[in-house]
Every structure is written in C-alpha cells, then in structure tokens.
Protein backbone atom coordinates (compact mmCIF):
# COMPACT_ATOMS: atom_id res chain seq x y z
CA UNK A 1 0.00 0.00 0.00
CA UNK A 2 1.29 3.43 -0.98
CA UNK A 3 0.17 6.94 -0.10
CA UNK A 4 0.40 9.79 -2.61
CA UNK A 5 0.17 13.33 -1.23
CA UNK A 6 -0.05 16.20 -3.77
CA UNK A 7 1.05 19.40 -2.04
CA UNK A 8 2.64 21.62 -4.67
CA UNK A 9 0.11 24.46 -4.36
CA UNK A 10 1.05 27.97 -3.31
CA UNK A 11 -1.41 28.17 -0.40
CA UNK A 12 -2.34 31.75 -1.27
CA UNK A 13 -5.40 31.84 1.01
CA UNK A 14 -3.13 31.17 3.98
CA UNK A 15 -0.76 34.08 3.39
CA UNK A 16 1.25 35.52 5.07
CA UNK A 17 1.98 32.17 6.77
CA UNK A 18 2.70 30.41 3.46
CA UNK A 19 5.20 33.04 2.32
CA UNK A 20 7.88 31.21 4.33
CA UNK A 21 6.56 27.65 4.67
CA UNK A 22 4.32 25.36 2.57
CA UNK A 23 0.81 25.17 4.00
CA UNK A 24 1.01 21.41 4.76
CA UNK A 25 3.91 22.08 7.13
CA UNK A 26 2.02 24.63 9.23
CA UNK A 27 1.70 23.14 12.68
CA UNK A 28 -1.67 22.33 14.20
CA UNK A 29 -1.54 21.39 17.91
CA UNK A 30 2.20 20.85 17.61
CA UNK A 31 2.33 18.75 14.43
CA UNK A 32 2.48 19.71 10.74
CA UNK A 33 -0.83 19.34 8.93
CA UNK A 34 0.64 16.75 6.58
CA UNK A 35 1.96 14.66 9.49
CA UNK A 36 -1.51 14.57 11.02
CA UNK A 37 -2.88 13.51 7.63
CA UNK A 38 -0.37 10.65 7.36
CA UNK A 39 -1.15 9.43 10.88
CA UNK A 40 -4.89 9.54 10.21
CA UNK A 41 -4.57 7.59 6.93
CA UNK A 42 -2.46 4.90 8.61
CA UNK A 43 -5.12 4.54 11.30
CA UNK A 44 -7.95 4.24 8.78
CA UNK A 45 -6.35 1.64 6.52
CA UNK A 46 -5.21 -0.41 9.52
CA UNK A 47 -1.88 -1.41 8.02
CA UNK A 48 1.59 0.02 7.44
CA UNK A 49 2.35 2.05 4.34
CA UNK A 50 5.20 0.79 2.18
CA UNK A 51 5.81 4.21 0.68
CA UNK A 52 4.69 7.82 1.03
CA UNK A 53 5.21 9.98 -2.05
CA UNK A 54 5.04 13.77 -1.68
CA UNK A 55 4.42 15.87 -4.80
CA UNK A 56 5.92 19.30 -4.16
CA UNK A 57 6.88 22.54 -5.84
CA UNK A 58 10.23 24.24 -5.48
CA UNK A 59 10.19 24.15 -1.68
CA UNK A 60 13.89 23.53 -1.09
CA UNK A 61 15.93 20.75 0.55
CA UNK A 62 14.97 21.57 4.15
CA UNK A 63 11.26 21.06 3.44
CA UNK A 64 11.99 17.87 1.53
CA UNK A 65 14.03 16.46 4.41
CA UNK A 66 11.17 17.25 6.79
CA UNK A 67 8.75 15.34 4.58
CA UNK A 68 11.09 12.35 4.28
CA UNK A 69 11.40 12.31 8.08
CA UNK A 70 7.60 12.31 8.43
CA UNK A 71 7.49 9.23 6.17
CA UNK A 72 10.26 7.56 8.16
CA UNK A 73 8.47 8.23 11.44
CA UNK A 74 5.44 6.47 9.96
CA UNK A 75 7.59 3.41 9.17
CA UNK A 76 7.53 4.11 5.44
CA UNK A 77 9.93 4.93 2.64
CA UNK A 78 9.56 8.54 1.53
CA UNK A 79 9.84 9.80 -2.04
CA UNK A 80 9.78 13.31 -3.45
CA UNK A 81 8.24 14.18 -6.82
CA UNK A 82 7.87 17.60 -8.43
CA UNK A 83 5.01 19.39 -10.14
CA UNK A 84 6.54 22.26 -12.09
CA UNK A 85 3.27 23.61 -13.53
CA UNK A 86 -0.17 23.89 -11.92
CA UNK A 87 -2.08 21.85 -14.48
CA UNK A 88 -4.75 20.29 -12.32
CA UNK A 89 -5.34 17.48 -9.87
CA UNK A 90 -4.83 14.61 -12.33
CA UNK A 91 -1.58 16.15 -13.56
CA UNK A 92 -0.31 16.52 -9.99
CA UNK A 93 -0.90 12.83 -9.23
CA UNK A 94 0.62 11.79 -12.56
CA UNK A 95 3.86 13.45 -11.48
CA UNK A 96 4.22 10.50 -9.06
CA UNK A 97 3.48 7.92 -11.79
CA UNK A 98 6.49 5.79 -10.81
CA UNK A 99 4.81 5.09 -7.46
CA UNK A 100 1.47 4.03 -8.93
CA UNK A 101 2.21 0.31 -9.17
CA UNK A 102 0.36 -1.00 -6.12
CA UNK A 103 -2.83 -0.36 -4.19
CA UNK A 104 -2.74 3.34 -3.41
CA UNK A 105 -4.40 6.08 -1.38
CA UNK A 106 -4.31 9.61 -2.80
CA UNK A 107 -4.83 12.32 -0.18
CA UNK A 108 -4.56 16.03 -0.86
CA UNK A 109 -2.45 17.63 1.83
CA UNK A 110 -4.88 20.14 3.33
CA UNK A 111 -7.50 17.45 4.05
CA UNK A 112 -7.91 16.47 7.68
CA UNK A 113 -10.73 14.37 9.05
CA UNK A 114 -11.92 12.40 12.06
CA UNK A 115 -13.32 8.87 11.88
CA UNK A 116 -13.09 5.62 13.82
CA UNK A 117 -14.12 3.34 10.94
CA UNK A 118 -11.65 1.25 8.95
CA UNK A 119 -11.70 1.48 5.16
CA UNK A 120 -12.74 -1.47 2.98
CA UNK A 121 -9.58 -2.45 1.10
CA UNK A 122 -11.30 -5.19 -0.93
CA UNK A 123 -13.41 -2.88 -3.08
CA UNK A 124 -12.15 -1.64 -6.46
CA UNK A 125 -11.78 1.77 -4.90
CA UNK A 126 -13.46 4.34 -2.73
CA UNK A 127 -14.20 8.04 -2.82
CA UNK A 128 -14.12 9.73 0.57
CA UNK A 129 -17.10 11.99 1.20
CA UNK A 130 -18.70 14.12 3.88
CA UNK A 131 -22.31 15.31 4.02
CA UNK A 132 -22.51 19.10 3.68
CA UNK A 133 -25.36 21.58 3.96
CA UNK A 134 -24.44 23.52 0.80
CA UNK A 135 -22.97 21.17 -1.85
CA UNK A 136 -22.85 23.90 -4.52
CA UNK A 137 -19.27 24.77 -3.54
CA UNK A 138 -17.95 21.20 -3.88
CA UNK A 139 -17.61 18.27 -6.19
CA UNK A 140 -20.20 15.68 -5.18
CA UNK A 141 -20.95 12.02 -5.94
CA UNK A 142 -24.20 10.29 -6.80
CA UNK A 143 -24.73 6.64 -5.84
CA UNK A 144 -27.08 3.78 -6.71
CA UNK A 145 -29.12 1.77 -4.19
CA UNK A 146 -26.08 -0.49 -3.54
CA UNK A 147 -24.00 2.51 -2.50
CA UNK A 148 -21.81 2.44 -5.62
CA UNK A 149 -20.81 5.72 -7.24
CA UNK A 150 -22.66 6.40 -10.50
CA UNK A 151 -21.66 9.96 -11.33
CA UNK A 152 -19.56 12.95 -10.34
CA UNK A 153 -20.91 16.50 -10.46
CA UNK A 154 -18.65 19.50 -9.96
CA UNK A 155 -20.20 22.36 -7.95
CA UNK A 156 -23.86 21.60 -8.79
CA UNK A 157 -26.09 24.65 -9.13
CA UNK A 158 -29.16 22.53 -8.39
CA UNK A 159 -29.24 19.91 -5.65
CA UNK A 160 -28.22 16.43 -6.79
CA UNK A 161 -26.35 15.13 -3.74
CA UNK A 162 -24.98 16.34 -0.40
CA UNK A 163 -22.00 13.95 -0.46
CA UNK A 164 -19.03 16.27 -1.01
CA UNK A 165 -15.70 14.78 -2.10
CA UNK A 166 -13.19 15.54 0.65
CA UNK A 167 -9.99 14.93 -1.33
CA UNK A 168 -9.04 11.36 -0.37
CA UNK A 169 -9.30 8.39 -2.77
CA UNK A 170 -8.43 4.67 -2.68
CA UNK A 171 -7.49 2.58 -5.72
CA UNK A 172 -6.99 -1.14 -5.31
CA UNK A 173 -5.28 -1.35 -8.72
CA UNK A 174 -2.80 1.49 -8.89
CA UNK A 175 -1.48 0.42 -12.29
CA UNK A 176 -4.95 0.74 -13.82
CA UNK A 177 -5.35 4.17 -12.25
CA UNK A 178 -1.95 5.15 -13.65
CA UNK A 179 -2.91 4.11 -17.18
CA UNK A 180 -6.07 6.22 -17.05
CA UNK A 181 -4.08 9.24 -15.88
CA UNK A 182 -1.69 8.69 -18.77
CA UNK A 183 -4.59 8.44 -21.24
CA UNK A 184 -5.95 11.81 -20.09
CA UNK A 185 -2.60 13.51 -20.54
CA UNK A 186 -1.68 11.78 -23.80
CA UNK A 187 -4.98 12.88 -25.32
CA UNK A 188 -4.81 16.37 -23.81
CA UNK A 189 -8.23 16.05 -22.18
CA UNK A 190 -8.56 19.23 -20.14
CA UNK A 191 -11.27 21.37 -18.57
CA UNK A 192 -10.57 24.98 -17.76
CA UNK A 193 -6.94 24.47 -18.78
CA UNK A 194 -6.42 21.65 -16.26
CA UNK A 195 -6.38 17.86 -16.18
CA UNK A 196 -9.21 16.90 -13.83
CA UNK A 197 -9.15 13.87 -11.56
CA UNK A 198 -12.93 13.45 -11.85
CA UNK A 199 -12.50 12.79 -15.60
CA UNK A 200 -10.13 9.93 -14.74
CA UNK A 201 -12.57 8.51 -12.22
CA UNK A 202 -15.46 8.70 -14.70
CA UNK A 203 -13.40 6.90 -17.36
CA UNK A 204 -12.54 4.15 -14.88
CA UNK A 205 -16.22 3.69 -13.99
CA UNK A 206 -17.17 3.58 -17.67
CA UNK A 207 -14.74 0.64 -18.03
CA UNK A 208 -16.16 -1.28 -15.09
CA UNK A 209 -14.42 -0.01 -11.94
CA UNK A 210 -16.90 0.07 -9.06
CA UNK A 211 -16.23 2.85 -6.57
CA UNK A 212 -17.84 2.81 -3.15
CA UNK A 213 -18.12 5.80 -0.85
CA UNK A 214 -16.29 6.07 2.45
CA UNK A 215 -18.11 8.61 4.60
CA UNK A 216 -16.18 10.53 7.25
CA UNK A 217 -18.23 12.07 10.08
CA UNK A 218 -16.00 15.15 10.39
CA UNK A 219 -14.05 16.93 7.68
CA UNK A 220 -11.59 19.57 8.85
CA UNK A 221 -10.37 22.28 6.52
CA UNK A 222 -7.09 24.20 6.62
CA UNK A 223 -7.82 26.47 3.68
CA UNK A 224 -7.66 29.81 5.48
CA UNK A 225 -6.89 31.30 8.89
CA UNK A 226 -10.34 30.93 10.44
CA UNK A 227 -10.72 27.34 9.23
CA UNK A 228 -7.25 26.43 10.49
CA UNK A 229 -7.90 27.91 13.95
CA UNK A 230 -11.14 25.92 14.11
CA UNK A 231 -9.33 22.75 13.04
CA UNK A 232 -6.81 23.35 15.81
CA UNK A 233 -9.72 23.59 18.26
CA UNK A 234 -11.25 20.29 17.11
CA UNK A 235 -7.94 18.44 17.22
CA UNK A 236 -7.25 19.66 20.74
CA UNK A 237 -10.71 18.55 21.81
CA UNK A 238 -10.10 15.06 20.42
CA UNK A 239 -6.45 14.49 21.29
CA UNK A 240 -7.11 10.90 22.46
CA UNK A 241 -4.48 10.78 25.17
CA UNK A 242 -1.82 12.69 23.19
CA UNK A 243 0.47 14.57 25.57
CA UNK A 244 -0.37 18.20 24.95
CA UNK A 245 1.67 20.08 27.55
CA UNK A 246 5.37 19.28 27.52
CA UNK A 247 7.29 18.69 30.76
CA UNK A 248 9.73 21.51 29.99
CA UNK A 249 7.00 24.19 30.02
CA UNK A 250 7.60 26.89 32.64
CA UNK A 251 4.40 28.53 33.85
CA UNK A 252 4.65 31.23 36.54
CA UNK A 253 1.51 32.79 37.97
CA UNK A 254 -0.32 31.48 34.90
CA UNK A 255 -3.62 29.70 34.37
CA UNK A 256 -3.84 27.19 31.51
CA UNK A 257 -7.43 26.34 30.59
CA UNK A 258 -7.52 23.03 28.69
CA UNK A 259 -7.43 21.84 26.06
CA UNK A 260 -4.20 23.51 25.01
CA UNK A 261 -0.99 22.41 23.33
CA UNK A 262 2.13 23.94 24.90
CA UNK A 263 5.42 22.95 23.24
CA UNK A 264 8.90 22.32 24.55
CA UNK A 265 10.66 25.09 26.51
CA UNK A 266 7.73 27.49 26.38
CA UNK A 267 7.78 30.15 29.13
CA UNK A 268 4.52 31.61 30.41
CA UNK A 269 4.19 34.29 33.05
CA UNK A 270 1.28 36.25 34.52
CA UNK A 271 -1.07 35.01 31.82
CA UNK A 272 -4.31 33.17 31.13
CA UNK A 273 -3.96 30.73 28.24
CA UNK A 274 -6.84 28.78 26.72
CA UNK A 275 -8.98 27.11 25.95
CA UNK A 276 -8.05 25.92 22.43
CA UNK A 277 -4.61 27.50 22.22
CA UNK A 278 -1.52 25.94 20.63
CA UNK A 279 1.91 27.43 21.38
CA UNK A 280 5.04 26.21 19.60
CA UNK A 281 8.39 25.41 21.16
CA UNK A 282 10.59 28.14 22.56
CA UNK A 283 7.90 30.81 22.67
CA UNK A 284 7.59 33.25 25.56
CA UNK A 285 4.35 34.88 26.69
CA UNK A 286 3.89 37.36 29.52
CA UNK A 287 0.93 39.44 30.68
CA UNK A 288 -1.33 37.76 28.12
CA UNK A 289 -4.90 36.55 27.81
CA UNK A 290 -5.08 34.24 24.78
CA UNK A 291 -7.98 32.06 23.64
CA UNK A 292 -8.70 29.93 20.54
CA UNK A 293 -5.46 30.76 18.74
CA UNK A 294 -2.29 29.30 17.24
CA UNK A 295 1.16 30.72 18.07
CA UNK A 296 4.06 29.01 16.35
CA UNK A 297 7.60 28.52 17.65
CA UNK A 298 10.13 30.97 19.12
CA UNK A 299 7.72 33.89 19.33
CA UNK A 300 7.66 36.54 22.05
CA UNK A 301 4.27 37.97 23.04
CA UNK A 302 3.74 40.60 25.74
CA UNK A 303 0.69 42.40 27.12
CA UNK A 304 -1.58 40.81 24.52
CA UNK A 305 -5.26 39.95 24.65
CA UNK A 306 -6.58 38.18 21.56
CA UNK A 307 -8.84 35.41 20.28
CA UNK A 308 -9.28 33.53 16.96
CA UNK A 309 -5.77 34.50 15.89
CA UNK A 310 -2.79 32.91 14.22
CA UNK A 311 0.82 34.04 14.72
CA UNK A 312 3.80 32.56 12.90
CA UNK A 313 7.34 31.66 13.96
CA UNK A 314 9.73 34.25 15.45
CA UNK A 315 7.00 36.84 15.94
CA UNK A 316 7.75 39.67 18.37
CA UNK A 317 4.48 41.26 19.43
CA UNK A 318 3.88 43.73 22.26
CA UNK A 319 0.74 45.70 22.93
CA UNK A 320 1.24 49.12 24.43
CA UNK A 321 -0.06 49.76 27.92
CA UNK A 322 -3.07 52.04 27.93
CA UNK A 323 -3.78 54.70 30.53
CA UNK A 324 -7.50 55.15 31.09
CA UNK A 325 -9.68 57.48 33.17
CA UNK A 326 -13.25 56.22 32.69
CA UNK A 327 -16.30 57.49 34.59
CA UNK A 328 -19.58 55.86 35.60
CA UNK A 329 -21.97 54.18 33.10
CA UNK A 330 -19.35 53.99 30.34
CA UNK A 331 -19.43 51.25 27.68
CA UNK A 332 -16.35 50.58 25.54
CA UNK A 333 -16.54 47.94 22.78
CA UNK A 334 -14.74 46.88 19.65
C-alpha cells in the first residue's frame, strides 16, 4: 500500500503564513498538517504504508528532508516528486506515476478528518465523502441503491447530492489508475486548462471499476486562517491521550485552561492561556490573555489579549499599555 500526497500548491489563502513555509507544514496542535494527515490515513487503513510519495513545488531541501522524516516516522519509505506547472489534480498525481504500481491512497495535503471506521480495502476503490449543507461549492458524488458511485458532479447549481468529495481516494489497482491518468494527458483532455481527476474517475467507472463511498463524520479544513484555527480547536478537543503540555513548560503565575498544546521550553508568566490554544516550542508569553489561537515557535508575546488568531514563527508582538480614566456608566466595545 502506498500513499500519494499532492502538495505543490502555493497556499495563497493562507498568506502571510505560506510566504515562508508550505501550507502542509504549518503546525496544528504541535504537528504539521501533513503529518496529522499521514497518521490519520495509517489509522484508517489499519496497516503500514510501504511508501509515502510527496508531490511538491520548489520548496527547497529543508522542506523535503522534513517530509522524508515524516514518512520515516510512519515506518515508510519517503519519495519526493515535483510538479513544475499547476495543471490540475490529475496532472499533480501523474507526477508520481512511478509510485502508482500497487494499491494506493491519494490524499490532498490540506485534508484532515476524524473517523473511527476502517476502510474497505477489498473494493475496487473508494471516494471519501462528507455530508454538507451547501454542496454547490464542492464536487459531489451520486450513488445507486447499492452505494456504488454512479456519477460525479462539480459544484452543482441545483441539488443532486450532499456527499461532497473531501480529497481522499483509494485505488486497489494502482497500475490501472496510472494508465487512465496517462490516457488523459496523452490525449490532452482538459477542462478549464487543467487535467481533472474526476475525468479519470469517470473513465474508470465507464470501463467497469466500481467505486464505493467512504463517509467521514467530520471533515476539517485548513484552507484559510479561520478554518485552520477551528481545526486546531477540534484536534485539541479530540487528542485521544496525546500529551499536549510538555514537561519543559515553565508557567509562573499562569492559568492554563484546557485543552491547550504547549510545546517544549515554552515560558509563560502572569497570563491566562486557553482554551483551544496551541503554542510552539521556545515561545515566551507574559501578561497575556489568549484564547482559541495558534502561536508558532520561538515567538515573544507581551501584554496581549486576543482570540481567533494565528501568529507565525519568530513573531515579536507587544501591545502598548493604555492609561485610562473612565467614569460611571461607560461602555467601551470593539
């Protein structure tokens, strides 16, 4: 079993954080998004992965070494492939064609989810879905009365299904999947200037592949700041015994309201932290009230009071003290 993770996108909706780091390496509750994805996939398939292939842009050797280490930590061989042009989902996966010779899971790197159910590895393949209130913003699947996929519809204007495709796919026959990707590219079959994965899936179904749906009860997005902060909240709430506060944390005259992740060598003083706060290693906070936020590593925060926020690495932030003289019956709001 192999895992293919396309992650060559620019992550523009997550700027400024993605100006210095690829979005899948942004840390959520102490771990990179892509590491949490790998761990979740391993849990769902219930077996070790022989190989994890990462499809990247020009991210540099340090990022590549981090990804290879994530694969190694999962007990897998890591491989790096490159997508030089943004030519669509099918093109991105095809960049890792040399790894498509076995049963394979394809998981796009900003897709996190929660489920306790194991995936059926005996079916021809499966499309992972989640029921959504407004399917018009997503690709959706239609199924027959046996639960087999019959059709894909991209961003339907009229209601046809509420089963949104979450960005994870299983193919029992990776070589067959590879040949269909190759056919699309060889024949220059594009929509909107891109090679679309749904065209590959439809071709496979037309030739007899039977896709089932694998429904996940919770789909967590990391597409923008607000979504990422919410994902951090949900992961903290469902940490399942994961050690969230490291032993090296120094907290003086500080209240920590769980759940929170506090990394190695973090120093907290005269502050109230939490709930739903993640603080990366080496950061220092004093005179702060922080809720529902992510602060990455080696940052220094003083006199701050904020919520629903996201601060990167090596941030130096200090709010100025305010001098107030406020009389009776005064209301001040923001």
